[in-house]
N, C-alpha and C. Protein backbone atom coordinates (compact mmCIF):
# COMPACT_ATOMS: atom_id res chain seq x y z
N MET A 1 19.18 7.91 -12.87
CA MET A 1 17.97 6.65 -12.40
C MET A 1 17.08 7.57 -11.34
N THR A 2 15.96 7.91 -12.34
CA THR A 2 14.93 8.60 -10.67
C THR A 2 14.29 7.18 -10.47
N GLN A 3 13.45 7.25 -8.75
CA GLN A 3 12.74 6.10 -8.25
C GLN A 3 11.46 6.33 -8.77
N TYR A 4 10.55 5.43 -8.01
CA TYR A 4 9.43 5.34 -8.63
C TYR A 4 8.60 5.22 -7.55
N VAL A 5 7.52 5.53 -6.90
CA VAL A 5 6.81 5.26 -5.62
C VAL A 5 5.30 4.70 -6.36
N ASP A 6 4.35 3.66 -5.50
CA ASP A 6 2.76 3.07 -6.29
C ASP A 6 2.90 3.78 -4.64
N GLY A 7 1.83 3.97 -4.46
CA GLY A 7 0.62 4.48 -3.57
C GLY A 7 -0.54 4.15 -3.46
N PHE A 8 -0.90 3.65 -1.78
CA PHE A 8 -2.09 2.68 -1.63
C PHE A 8 -2.86 3.38 -0.69
N LEU A 9 -4.27 3.60 -0.94
CA LEU A 9 -5.00 3.80 0.35
C LEU A 9 -6.07 3.40 0.24
N LEU A 10 -6.87 2.61 1.62
CA LEU A 10 -7.56 1.79 1.66
C LEU A 10 -8.21 1.36 3.02
N PRO A 11 -9.67 1.73 3.23
CA PRO A 11 -10.28 1.44 4.00
C PRO A 11 -10.57 0.15 4.20
N ILE A 12 -10.06 -0.16 5.96
CA ILE A 12 -10.30 -1.52 6.27
C ILE A 12 -11.18 -2.14 7.23
N ALA A 13 -12.37 -3.05 7.72
CA ALA A 13 -12.65 -3.34 9.18
C ALA A 13 -12.10 -3.78 9.92
N ALA A 14 -11.81 -2.89 11.34
CA ALA A 14 -11.05 -2.91 11.74
C ALA A 14 -10.88 -4.21 12.61
N ASP A 15 -12.14 -5.01 12.23
CA ASP A 15 -11.91 -6.57 13.24
C ASP A 15 -11.07 -7.13 11.81
N LYS A 16 -10.83 -6.75 10.82
CA LYS A 16 -10.09 -7.50 9.70
C LYS A 16 -8.85 -7.30 9.85
N LEU A 17 -8.40 -5.68 10.12
CA LEU A 17 -6.80 -5.77 10.28
C LEU A 17 -5.66 -6.68 10.77
N GLU A 18 -5.89 -7.62 11.30
CA GLU A 18 -4.66 -8.77 12.26
C GLU A 18 -4.82 -9.20 10.49
N ASP A 19 -5.94 -9.86 9.85
CA ASP A 19 -5.92 -10.63 9.11
C ASP A 19 -5.37 -10.34 7.38
N TYR A 20 -5.85 -8.81 7.60
CA TYR A 20 -4.75 -7.77 6.63
C TYR A 20 -2.90 -7.82 7.15
N LYS A 21 -2.72 -7.39 8.02
CA LYS A 21 -1.06 -7.84 8.64
C LYS A 21 -1.01 -8.84 7.82
N LYS A 22 -1.32 -9.87 8.13
CA LYS A 22 -0.53 -10.96 7.74
C LYS A 22 -0.63 -10.88 6.06
N LEU A 23 -1.51 -10.77 5.34
CA LEU A 23 -1.42 -10.77 3.86
C LEU A 23 -0.39 -9.72 3.77
N ALA A 24 -0.39 -8.15 4.06
CA ALA A 24 0.78 -7.17 4.39
C ALA A 24 1.84 -7.12 4.63
N THR A 25 2.13 -8.53 5.03
CA THR A 25 3.62 -8.81 5.39
C THR A 25 4.07 -10.07 4.63
N LYS A 26 3.07 -10.74 4.24
CA LYS A 26 3.47 -11.78 2.73
C LYS A 26 3.82 -10.93 1.55
N ALA A 27 3.17 -9.73 1.23
CA ALA A 27 3.10 -9.24 0.20
C ALA A 27 4.57 -8.36 0.18
N ALA A 28 4.88 -7.93 1.51
CA ALA A 28 6.03 -6.77 1.63
C ALA A 28 7.01 -8.11 1.47
N GLU A 29 7.42 -9.57 1.66
CA GLU A 29 8.37 -10.06 0.95
C GLU A 29 8.66 -10.46 -0.36
N VAL A 30 7.14 -10.82 -1.26
CA VAL A 30 6.67 -10.74 -2.53
C VAL A 30 7.16 -9.56 -2.93
N TRP A 31 7.33 -8.37 -2.99
CA TRP A 31 7.33 -7.46 -3.96
C TRP A 31 8.77 -7.18 -3.33
N ILE A 32 9.93 -7.13 -2.66
CA ILE A 32 11.20 -7.29 -2.04
C ILE A 32 11.63 -8.36 -2.60
N ASP A 33 11.12 -9.44 -2.40
CA ASP A 33 11.81 -10.22 -3.55
C ASP A 33 12.06 -10.15 -5.22
N HIS A 34 10.88 -9.12 -5.60
CA HIS A 34 10.91 -9.67 -7.01
C HIS A 34 11.65 -7.62 -7.46
N GLY A 35 11.93 -7.56 -6.13
CA GLY A 35 12.79 -6.00 -6.46
C GLY A 35 12.40 -4.17 -6.45
N ALA A 36 11.57 -4.03 -5.46
CA ALA A 36 10.92 -2.99 -4.72
C ALA A 36 11.99 -3.20 -3.62
N LEU A 37 12.49 -1.07 -3.52
CA LEU A 37 13.46 -1.69 -2.55
C LEU A 37 12.60 -1.17 -1.02
N ALA A 38 11.99 -0.33 -1.10
CA ALA A 38 11.42 -0.34 0.27
C ALA A 38 9.55 -0.98 0.40
N TYR A 39 9.09 -1.16 0.98
CA TYR A 39 7.80 -1.61 1.25
C TYR A 39 7.00 -1.41 2.50
N TRP A 40 5.95 -0.28 2.42
CA TRP A 40 5.65 0.56 3.83
C TRP A 40 3.99 0.12 4.10
N GLU A 41 3.53 -0.10 4.75
CA GLU A 41 2.43 -0.50 4.98
C GLU A 41 1.57 0.39 6.45
N THR A 42 1.30 0.64 6.30
CA THR A 42 0.65 1.93 7.65
C THR A 42 -0.64 2.05 8.41
N VAL A 43 -1.08 1.87 9.96
CA VAL A 43 -2.67 2.00 10.11
C VAL A 43 -2.49 3.84 10.48
N GLY A 44 -3.88 4.47 9.99
CA GLY A 44 -4.46 5.00 10.26
C GLY A 44 -4.48 5.38 12.07
N ASP A 45 -3.60 6.60 12.06
CA ASP A 45 -3.81 6.97 14.09
C ASP A 45 -4.03 8.13 14.41
N ASP A 46 -3.69 9.39 13.47
CA ASP A 46 -4.36 10.67 13.92
C ASP A 46 -4.55 11.07 12.54
N LEU A 47 -5.98 11.43 12.30
CA LEU A 47 -6.57 11.60 10.90
C LEU A 47 -7.38 12.70 10.98
N ASP A 48 -7.55 13.63 11.96
CA ASP A 48 -8.75 14.50 12.06
C ASP A 48 -8.15 15.73 12.62
N GLY A 49 -7.57 16.11 10.92
CA GLY A 49 -7.11 17.29 10.91
C GLY A 49 -7.92 18.51 11.25
N GLU A 50 -8.25 19.19 11.53
CA GLU A 50 -8.80 20.22 11.25
C GLU A 50 -9.39 21.97 10.20
N GLU A 51 -7.91 21.54 9.88
CA GLU A 51 -8.23 22.67 8.49
C GLU A 51 -7.75 21.74 7.47
N THR A 52 -7.06 20.62 7.11
CA THR A 52 -7.37 19.85 5.91
C THR A 52 -8.46 18.65 5.98
N ARG A 53 -8.55 17.95 4.75
CA ARG A 53 -9.25 17.41 4.42
C ARG A 53 -8.61 15.59 5.42
N SER A 54 -9.77 14.63 5.97
CA SER A 54 -9.37 13.36 6.59
C SER A 54 -9.06 12.77 5.63
N PHE A 55 -8.16 11.85 6.54
CA PHE A 55 -7.93 10.34 5.12
C PHE A 55 -9.30 9.59 5.09
N LYS A 56 -9.41 9.77 6.46
CA LYS A 56 -10.97 9.42 6.84
C LYS A 56 -11.93 9.07 5.34
N ILE A 57 -11.78 10.22 5.40
CA ILE A 57 -13.14 11.09 3.67
C ILE A 57 -12.49 10.79 2.67
N CYS A 58 -11.31 10.72 2.47
CA CYS A 58 -10.42 10.18 1.07
C CYS A 58 -10.59 8.95 1.06
N ALA A 59 -10.74 7.94 2.14
CA ALA A 59 -10.68 6.46 1.87
C ALA A 59 -12.05 6.35 1.90
N ASP A 60 -13.27 6.83 2.71
CA ASP A 60 -14.43 6.83 2.00
C ASP A 60 -14.83 5.73 3.30
N ALA A 61 -13.78 5.65 4.74
CA ALA A 61 -13.42 4.73 5.61
C ALA A 61 -15.19 5.13 6.44
N GLY A 62 -15.82 4.08 7.21
CA GLY A 62 -16.75 4.16 7.73
C GLY A 62 -16.09 3.99 9.16
N PRO A 63 -17.62 4.09 10.46
CA PRO A 63 -17.11 4.15 11.56
C PRO A 63 -16.74 3.18 12.35
N ASN A 64 -16.94 2.04 11.44
CA ASN A 64 -16.16 0.61 12.39
C ASN A 64 -14.95 0.22 11.16
N GLU A 65 -14.26 0.88 10.60
CA GLU A 65 -13.12 0.93 9.61
C GLU A 65 -11.79 1.55 9.53
N VAL A 66 -10.79 1.40 9.71
CA VAL A 66 -9.41 1.58 9.66
C VAL A 66 -8.86 2.58 8.50
N VAL A 67 -8.14 3.33 8.23
CA VAL A 67 -7.65 3.69 7.45
C VAL A 67 -6.02 3.10 7.02
N ILE A 68 -6.14 2.79 5.97
CA ILE A 68 -4.05 2.24 5.64
C ILE A 68 -3.83 2.74 4.51
N PHE A 69 -2.78 3.58 4.86
CA PHE A 69 -2.14 4.32 3.83
C PHE A 69 -0.70 3.42 3.20
N ALA A 70 -0.56 2.81 2.30
CA ALA A 70 0.96 2.15 1.87
C ALA A 70 1.46 2.65 0.74
N TRP A 71 2.68 2.29 0.51
CA TRP A 71 3.77 2.96 -0.24
C TRP A 71 4.67 1.84 -0.49
N VAL A 72 4.90 1.38 -1.76
CA VAL A 72 6.56 0.87 -1.99
C VAL A 72 7.16 1.46 -3.21
N VAL A 73 8.53 1.65 -2.84
CA VAL A 73 9.84 2.19 -3.92
C VAL A 73 10.12 1.54 -4.25
N TYR A 74 10.33 1.92 -5.57
CA TYR A 74 11.27 0.79 -6.66
C TYR A 74 12.43 1.73 -7.11
N PRO A 75 13.71 1.31 -7.37
CA PRO A 75 14.38 2.04 -8.27
C PRO A 75 14.19 2.69 -9.58
N SER A 76 13.42 2.37 -10.45
CA SER A 76 12.86 2.93 -11.65
C SER A 76 10.97 3.05 -11.92
N ARG A 77 10.72 3.65 -12.95
CA ARG A 77 9.14 2.94 -13.26
C ARG A 77 9.26 1.90 -14.28
N GLU A 78 10.29 1.69 -15.02
CA GLU A 78 10.62 0.68 -15.39
C GLU A 78 10.85 -0.92 -14.38
N VAL A 79 11.53 -0.58 -13.73
CA VAL A 79 12.02 -1.91 -12.82
C VAL A 79 10.26 -1.62 -12.00
N ARG A 80 9.59 -0.88 -11.73
CA ARG A 80 7.78 -1.00 -11.09
C ARG A 80 7.52 -1.85 -12.06
N ASP A 81 6.78 -1.81 -13.25
CA ASP A 81 6.71 -2.69 -14.49
C ASP A 81 6.86 -3.70 -14.30
N ARG A 82 8.12 -4.04 -14.23
CA ARG A 82 8.65 -5.12 -14.07
C ARG A 82 8.10 -6.11 -12.64
N VAL A 83 8.33 -5.48 -11.40
CA VAL A 83 7.92 -6.00 -10.15
C VAL A 83 6.10 -6.10 -10.11
N MET A 84 5.98 -5.49 -10.70
CA MET A 84 4.54 -5.58 -10.52
C MET A 84 3.72 -6.44 -11.81
N ALA A 85 4.36 -7.14 -12.49
CA ALA A 85 3.58 -7.96 -13.44
C ALA A 85 4.55 -9.48 -13.04
N ALA A 86 5.21 -9.16 -12.21
CA ALA A 86 5.88 -10.36 -11.66
C ALA A 86 5.69 -11.02 -10.17
N VAL A 87 4.85 -9.65 -9.63
CA VAL A 87 4.18 -10.00 -8.29
C VAL A 87 2.56 -10.46 -8.34
N MET A 88 2.05 -10.22 -8.98
CA MET A 88 0.63 -10.42 -10.44
C MET A 88 0.77 -11.81 -10.41
N GLU A 89 1.60 -12.47 -10.75
CA GLU A 89 1.64 -13.71 -10.86
C GLU A 89 2.52 -14.59 -9.62
N ASP A 90 2.66 -14.03 -8.93
CA ASP A 90 3.31 -14.60 -7.59
C ASP A 90 2.55 -15.64 -7.22
N PRO A 91 2.85 -16.77 -7.11
CA PRO A 91 2.05 -17.72 -6.07
C PRO A 91 1.50 -17.71 -4.72
N ARG A 92 2.37 -17.09 -3.70
CA ARG A 92 2.32 -16.95 -3.05
C ARG A 92 1.45 -15.57 -2.29
N LEU A 93 0.58 -14.74 -3.21
CA LEU A 93 -0.09 -14.32 -2.74
C LEU A 93 -1.71 -14.29 -3.62
N ARG A 94 -1.71 -15.78 -3.99
CA ARG A 94 -2.55 -16.57 -4.38
C ARG A 94 -3.31 -17.27 -2.95
N GLU A 95 -2.34 -17.66 -2.35
CA GLU A 95 -2.96 -18.70 -0.72
C GLU A 95 -4.07 -18.36 -0.46
N ASN A 96 -4.65 -17.03 -0.24
CA ASN A 96 -5.27 -16.67 0.46
C ASN A 96 -6.20 -15.95 -0.54
N ALA A 97 -7.51 -16.75 -0.92
CA ALA A 97 -8.52 -16.49 -1.97
C ALA A 97 -9.18 -15.54 -1.52
N GLU A 98 -9.71 -15.48 -0.23
CA GLU A 98 -10.12 -14.07 0.35
C GLU A 98 -9.71 -13.33 0.80
N MET A 99 -9.67 -11.97 0.49
CA MET A 99 -8.93 -10.69 0.73
C MET A 99 -9.88 -9.91 1.89
N PRO A 100 -9.03 -9.36 3.06
CA PRO A 100 -9.81 -9.12 3.72
C PRO A 100 -9.99 -7.54 3.77
N PHE A 101 -10.23 -7.28 2.64
CA PHE A 101 -10.74 -5.69 2.16
C PHE A 101 -11.52 -5.36 0.83
N ASP A 102 -12.15 -4.69 0.61
CA ASP A 102 -12.94 -4.24 -0.82
C ASP A 102 -11.52 -3.76 -1.97
N MET A 103 -11.60 -4.87 -2.97
CA MET A 103 -10.14 -4.23 -3.73
C MET A 103 -10.60 -2.93 -4.52
N LYS A 104 -12.32 -2.70 -4.77
CA LYS A 104 -12.84 -1.96 -5.24
C LYS A 104 -13.06 -0.59 -4.44
N ARG A 105 -12.67 -0.39 -3.36
CA ARG A 105 -12.46 0.59 -2.68
C ARG A 105 -11.25 0.96 -2.16
N MET A 106 -10.40 0.82 -3.12
CA MET A 106 -9.01 0.47 -2.79
C MET A 106 -8.52 2.04 -3.69
N ALA A 107 -7.71 2.60 -3.51
CA ALA A 107 -7.50 4.11 -4.67
C ALA A 107 -5.38 3.18 -4.78
N HIS A 108 -5.38 3.89 -5.75
CA HIS A 108 -3.95 3.27 -5.99
C HIS A 108 -3.55 4.11 -7.24
N GLY A 109 -1.89 4.73 -7.25
CA GLY A 109 -1.38 4.94 -8.41
C GLY A 109 0.19 5.23 -8.08
N GLY A 110 0.84 5.34 -9.47
CA GLY A 110 2.24 5.20 -9.37
C GLY A 110 2.05 6.89 -9.25
N PHE A 111 3.53 7.32 -9.09
CA PHE A 111 4.36 8.42 -8.55
C PHE A 111 5.20 8.34 -9.08
N LYS A 112 5.95 9.50 -9.64
CA LYS A 112 7.36 10.15 -9.91
C LYS A 112 7.54 11.41 -8.77
N PRO A 113 8.46 11.07 -8.27
CA PRO A 113 9.24 12.04 -7.32
C PRO A 113 8.95 13.73 -7.42
N LEU A 114 9.02 13.84 -6.81
CA LEU A 114 9.10 15.61 -6.82
C LEU A 114 10.45 15.83 -5.81
N VAL A 115 10.14 15.74 -4.59
CA VAL A 115 11.08 16.29 -3.28
C VAL A 115 11.71 15.21 -3.22
N VAL A 116 12.87 14.52 -2.79
CA VAL A 116 13.38 13.02 -1.88
C VAL A 116 14.04 14.35 -1.15
N ALA A 117 14.16 14.00 -0.02
CA ALA A 117 14.95 14.54 1.06
C ALA A 117 15.05 13.13 2.65
N GLU A 118 16.30 12.80 2.59
CA GLU A 118 16.49 11.60 3.57
C GLU A 118 17.88 12.07 4.52
N LYS A 119 17.41 11.45 5.99
CA LYS A 119 18.68 11.70 6.32
C LYS A 119 19.74 10.50 6.58
N LYS A 120 20.95 10.81 6.21
CA LYS A 120 22.25 10.05 5.95
C LYS A 120 22.49 9.74 7.46
């Protein structure tokens, strides 16, 4: 069975980061409860490579925005599809009606692993 990964890239206003963290903490619990193996939310820290395309540019982040790079790991694509359906119906994520970011500016995609190396 091959694992599967959902990836997310989004800009968020720096002054909304604490609100986003609360939402992401709840989301992590929901995803794990429904079967995800791992849930990561990270905030950009070192994004200005000289010879590479910046995550700020990829996320179309403005001067007062930070970049969130997140991913969720599942046992398989089939489990991912089941988990995502359950997550979308979970009432815990509907408690906050107002999102602290613009969903239309978020990039999301599902990925099949190409190379996986982990320290045991």
